[in-house]
């Protein structure tokens, strides 16, 4: 992995949350995982097992990565191994996202969210035309 020096003048990050990383410099191994169950409901009715990640397939099914079969030939010659950042303005990083000013070797970033909407059915839609 290339070794470079990162120079940063000014970075403003408003919000970082849920397994996100803001890093200046090189990294070798990064593993990030964010899981969430988001429930929106009209009535405050809670069920005993709704907070268990294992109850929802989205959290247990494997993610299949396609192998990269393309031949890649890279030749690099860095006369000045410096990463220079003048100004950055970041609104937010969330759910296993990453802002890295530097080199990264091995990354694994994963975010899984199950959204549940519990909305009451509309009353007698079929009878309203009578």
C-alpha atoms as a PDB file:
ATOM      1  CA  UNK A   1       0.000   0.000   0.000  1.00  0.00           C
ATOM      2  CA  UNK A   2       1.267   3.443  -0.861  1.00  0.00           C
ATOM      3  CA  UNK A   3       2.363   5.600   2.037  1.00  0.00           C
ATOM      4  CA  UNK A   4       1.405   9.215   1.656  1.00  0.00           C
ATOM      5  CA  UNK A   5       1.179  12.229   3.882  1.00  0.00           C
ATOM      6  CA  UNK A   6      -2.218  13.909   4.221  1.00  0.00           C
ATOM      7  CA  UNK A   7      -2.364  17.678   4.708  1.00  0.00           C
ATOM      8  CA  UNK A   8      -5.753  19.122   5.590  1.00  0.00           C
ATOM      9  CA  UNK A   9      -6.435  22.827   6.006  1.00  0.00           C
ATOM     10  CA  UNK A  10     -10.139  22.910   6.873  1.00  0.00           C
ATOM     11  CA  UNK A  11     -12.903  20.296   7.095  1.00  0.00           C
ATOM     12  CA  UNK A  12     -16.332  20.960   8.553  1.00  0.00           C
ATOM     13  CA  UNK A  13     -18.442  17.847   9.231  1.00  0.00           C
ATOM     14  CA  UNK A  14     -21.895  18.577  10.605  1.00  0.00           C
ATOM     15  CA  UNK A  15     -22.919  15.046  11.611  1.00  0.00           C
ATOM     16  CA  UNK A  16     -21.399  11.556  11.883  1.00  0.00           C
ATOM     17  CA  UNK A  17     -23.530   8.677  13.123  1.00  0.00           C
ATOM     18  CA  UNK A  18     -24.316   4.943  13.062  1.00  0.00           C
ATOM     19  CA  UNK A  19     -21.002   3.172  12.490  1.00  0.00           C
ATOM     20  CA  UNK A  20     -19.494   5.863  10.273  1.00  0.00           C
ATOM     21  CA  UNK A  21     -15.842   6.872  10.148  1.00  0.00           C
ATOM     22  CA  UNK A  22     -14.033  10.106   9.406  1.00  0.00           C
ATOM     23  CA  UNK A  23     -10.348   9.358   9.070  1.00  0.00           C
ATOM     24  CA  UNK A  24      -7.341  11.352   7.996  1.00  0.00           C
ATOM     25  CA  UNK A  25      -4.479   9.015   7.179  1.00  0.00           C
ATOM     26  CA  UNK A  26      -3.939   5.487   5.918  1.00  0.00           C
ATOM     27  CA  UNK A  27      -5.897   2.424   7.001  1.00  0.00           C
ATOM     28  CA  UNK A  28      -5.265  -1.262   6.506  1.00  0.00           C
ATOM     29  CA  UNK A  29      -8.436  -3.040   7.701  1.00  0.00           C
ATOM     30  CA  UNK A  30     -11.819  -1.457   8.308  1.00  0.00           C
ATOM     31  CA  UNK A  31     -15.042  -3.356   9.000  1.00  0.00           C
ATOM     32  CA  UNK A  32     -18.227  -1.368   9.582  1.00  0.00           C
ATOM     33  CA  UNK A  33     -21.699  -2.727  10.256  1.00  0.00           C
ATOM     34  CA  UNK A  34     -24.878  -0.805  10.938  1.00  0.00           C
ATOM     35  CA  UNK A  35     -28.218  -2.502  11.550  1.00  0.00           C
ATOM     36  CA  UNK A  36     -31.523  -0.801  12.300  1.00  0.00           C
ATOM     37  CA  UNK A  37     -35.194  -1.614  12.648  1.00  0.00           C
ATOM     38  CA  UNK A  38     -37.293   1.476  11.909  1.00  0.00           C
ATOM     39  CA  UNK A  39     -40.940   1.193  12.960  1.00  0.00           C
ATOM     40  CA  UNK A  40     -43.536   3.801  12.064  1.00  0.00           C
ATOM     41  CA  UNK A  41     -46.988   3.263  13.529  1.00  0.00           C
ATOM     42  CA  UNK A  42     -50.154   5.198  14.183  1.00  0.00           C
ATOM     43  CA  UNK A  43     -50.909   3.497  17.521  1.00  0.00           C
ATOM     44  CA  UNK A  44     -48.535   2.629  20.337  1.00  0.00           C
ATOM     45  CA  UNK A  45     -48.849  -1.141  20.044  1.00  0.00           C
ATOM     46  CA  UNK A  46     -45.641  -3.030  20.785  1.00  0.00           C
ATOM     47  CA  UNK A  47     -44.925  -6.698  20.177  1.00  0.00           C
ATOM     48  CA  UNK A  48     -42.501  -8.743  22.263  1.00  0.00           C
ATOM     49  CA  UNK A  49     -40.272  -9.995  19.437  1.00  0.00           C
ATOM     50  CA  UNK A  50     -40.229  -7.097  16.972  1.00  0.00           C
ATOM     51  CA  UNK A  51     -36.801  -5.874  18.075  1.00  0.00           C
ATOM     52  CA  UNK A  52     -34.954  -9.110  17.246  1.00  0.00           C
ATOM     53  CA  UNK A  53     -32.741  -8.778  14.169  1.00  0.00           C
ATOM     54  CA  UNK A  54     -32.840 -12.557  13.602  1.00  0.00           C
ATOM     55  CA  UNK A  55     -36.612 -12.368  12.988  1.00  0.00           C
ATOM     56  CA  UNK A  56     -36.072 -10.499   9.718  1.00  0.00           C
ATOM     57  CA  UNK A  57     -34.490 -12.060   6.653  1.00  0.00           C
ATOM     58  CA  UNK A  58     -32.829  -8.798   5.578  1.00  0.00           C
ATOM     59  CA  UNK A  59     -30.389  -9.160   8.500  1.00  0.00           C
ATOM     60  CA  UNK A  60     -29.563 -12.850   8.018  1.00  0.00           C
ATOM     61  CA  UNK A  61     -29.367 -13.365   4.258  1.00  0.00           C
ATOM     62  CA  UNK A  62     -25.827 -13.346   2.912  1.00  0.00           C
ATOM     63  CA  UNK A  63     -24.600 -10.620   0.610  1.00  0.00           C
ATOM     64  CA  UNK A  64     -23.196 -12.069  -2.587  1.00  0.00           C
ATOM     65  CA  UNK A  65     -20.239 -10.291  -4.075  1.00  0.00           C
ATOM     66  CA  UNK A  66     -19.471 -10.844  -7.731  1.00  0.00           C
ATOM     67  CA  UNK A  67     -15.818 -11.621  -8.365  1.00  0.00           C
ATOM     68  CA  UNK A  68     -13.844  -9.087 -10.362  1.00  0.00           C
ATOM     69  CA  UNK A  69     -12.591 -10.892 -13.451  1.00  0.00           C
ATOM     70  CA  UNK A  70     -11.224  -7.911 -15.353  1.00  0.00           C
ATOM     71  CA  UNK A  71      -7.460  -7.795 -15.792  1.00  0.00           C
ATOM     72  CA  UNK A  72      -6.095  -4.602 -14.299  1.00  0.00           C
ATOM     73  CA  UNK A  73      -2.686  -3.203 -15.052  1.00  0.00           C
ATOM     74  CA  UNK A  74      -1.608  -0.164 -13.034  1.00  0.00           C
ATOM     75  CA  UNK A  75       1.656   1.693 -13.109  1.00  0.00           C
ATOM     76  CA  UNK A  76       2.010   4.586 -10.723  1.00  0.00           C
ATOM     77  CA  UNK A  77       4.807   6.995 -10.141  1.00  0.00           C
ATOM     78  CA  UNK A  78       4.174   9.550  -7.444  1.00  0.00           C
ATOM     79  CA  UNK A  79       6.623  12.392  -7.543  1.00  0.00           C
ATOM     80  CA  UNK A  80       4.973  14.040  -4.540  1.00  0.00           C
ATOM     81  CA  UNK A  81       3.265  11.471  -2.306  1.00  0.00           C
ATOM     82  CA  UNK A  82       1.079  14.089  -0.642  1.00  0.00           C
ATOM     83  CA  UNK A  83      -2.693  14.302  -0.363  1.00  0.00           C
ATOM     84  CA  UNK A  84      -3.632  17.965  -0.024  1.00  0.00           C
ATOM     85  CA  UNK A  85      -7.129  19.050   1.007  1.00  0.00           C
ATOM     86  CA  UNK A  86      -7.917  22.750   1.170  1.00  0.00           C
ATOM     87  CA  UNK A  87     -11.576  22.940   2.243  1.00  0.00           C
ATOM     88  CA  UNK A  88     -14.372  20.399   2.600  1.00  0.00           C
ATOM     89  CA  UNK A  89     -17.916  20.904   3.850  1.00  0.00           C
ATOM     90  CA  UNK A  90     -19.709  17.633   4.671  1.00  0.00           C
ATOM     91  CA  UNK A  91     -23.391  17.644   5.663  1.00  0.00           C
ATOM     92  CA  UNK A  92     -23.411  14.141   7.106  1.00  0.00           C
ATOM     93  CA  UNK A  93     -22.083  10.603   7.233  1.00  0.00           C
ATOM     94  CA  UNK A  94     -24.453   7.858   8.320  1.00  0.00           C
ATOM     95  CA  UNK A  95     -25.041   4.118   8.311  1.00  0.00           C
ATOM     96  CA  UNK A  96     -21.601   2.607   7.721  1.00  0.00           C
ATOM     97  CA  UNK A  97     -20.291   5.371   5.493  1.00  0.00           C
ATOM     98  CA  UNK A  98     -16.729   6.590   5.436  1.00  0.00           C
ATOM     99  CA  UNK A  99     -14.794   9.729   4.655  1.00  0.00           C
ATOM    100  CA  UNK A 100     -11.113   8.859   4.338  1.00  0.00           C
ATOM    101  CA  UNK A 101      -8.365  11.213   3.292  1.00  0.00           C
ATOM    102  CA  UNK A 102      -5.595   8.710   2.743  1.00  0.00           C
ATOM    103  CA  UNK A 103      -5.058   5.201   1.407  1.00  0.00           C
ATOM    104  CA  UNK A 104      -7.202   2.185   2.316  1.00  0.00           C
ATOM    105  CA  UNK A 105      -6.342  -1.439   1.740  1.00  0.00           C
ATOM    106  CA  UNK A 106      -9.208  -3.658   2.931  1.00  0.00           C
ATOM    107  CA  UNK A 107     -12.687  -2.214   3.508  1.00  0.00           C
ATOM    108  CA  UNK A 108     -15.997  -3.864   4.305  1.00  0.00           C
ATOM    109  CA  UNK A 109     -18.929  -1.521   4.863  1.00  0.00           C
ATOM    110  CA  UNK A 110     -22.472  -2.768   5.404  1.00  0.00           C
ATOM    111  CA  UNK A 111     -25.767  -1.133   6.356  1.00  0.00           C
ATOM    112  CA  UNK A 112     -29.033  -3.039   6.666  1.00  0.00           C
ATOM    113  CA  UNK A 113     -32.336  -1.411   7.602  1.00  0.00           C
ATOM    114  CA  UNK A 114     -35.785  -2.983   7.999  1.00  0.00           C
ATOM    115  CA  UNK A 115     -38.602  -0.429   7.653  1.00  0.00           C
ATOM    116  CA  UNK A 116     -41.972  -1.389   9.138  1.00  0.00           C
ATOM    117  CA  UNK A 117     -45.078   0.739   8.597  1.00  0.00           C
ATOM    118  CA  UNK A 118     -48.151   0.011  10.721  1.00  0.00           C
ATOM    119  CA  UNK A 119     -50.848   2.301   9.349  1.00  0.00           C
ATOM    120  CA  UNK A 120     -54.570   1.892  10.026  1.00  0.00           C
ATOM    121  CA  UNK A 121     -56.676   1.039   6.945  1.00  0.00           C
ATOM    122  CA  UNK A 122     -58.951   3.809   5.722  1.00  0.00           C
ATOM    123  CA  UNK A 123     -62.508   3.464   6.999  1.00  0.00           C
ATOM    124  CA  UNK A 124     -65.059   2.017   4.593  1.00  0.00           C
ATOM    125  CA  UNK A 125     -63.574   3.211   1.305  1.00  0.00           C
ATOM    126  CA  UNK A 126     -66.051   0.952  -0.506  1.00  0.00           C
ATOM    127  CA  UNK A 127     -69.083   2.412   1.326  1.00  0.00           C
ATOM    128  CA  UNK A 128     -68.165   6.075   0.767  1.00  0.00           C
ATOM    129  CA  UNK A 129     -69.694   6.060  -2.746  1.00  0.00           C
ATOM    130  CA  UNK A 130     -73.107   4.880  -1.505  1.00  0.00           C
END
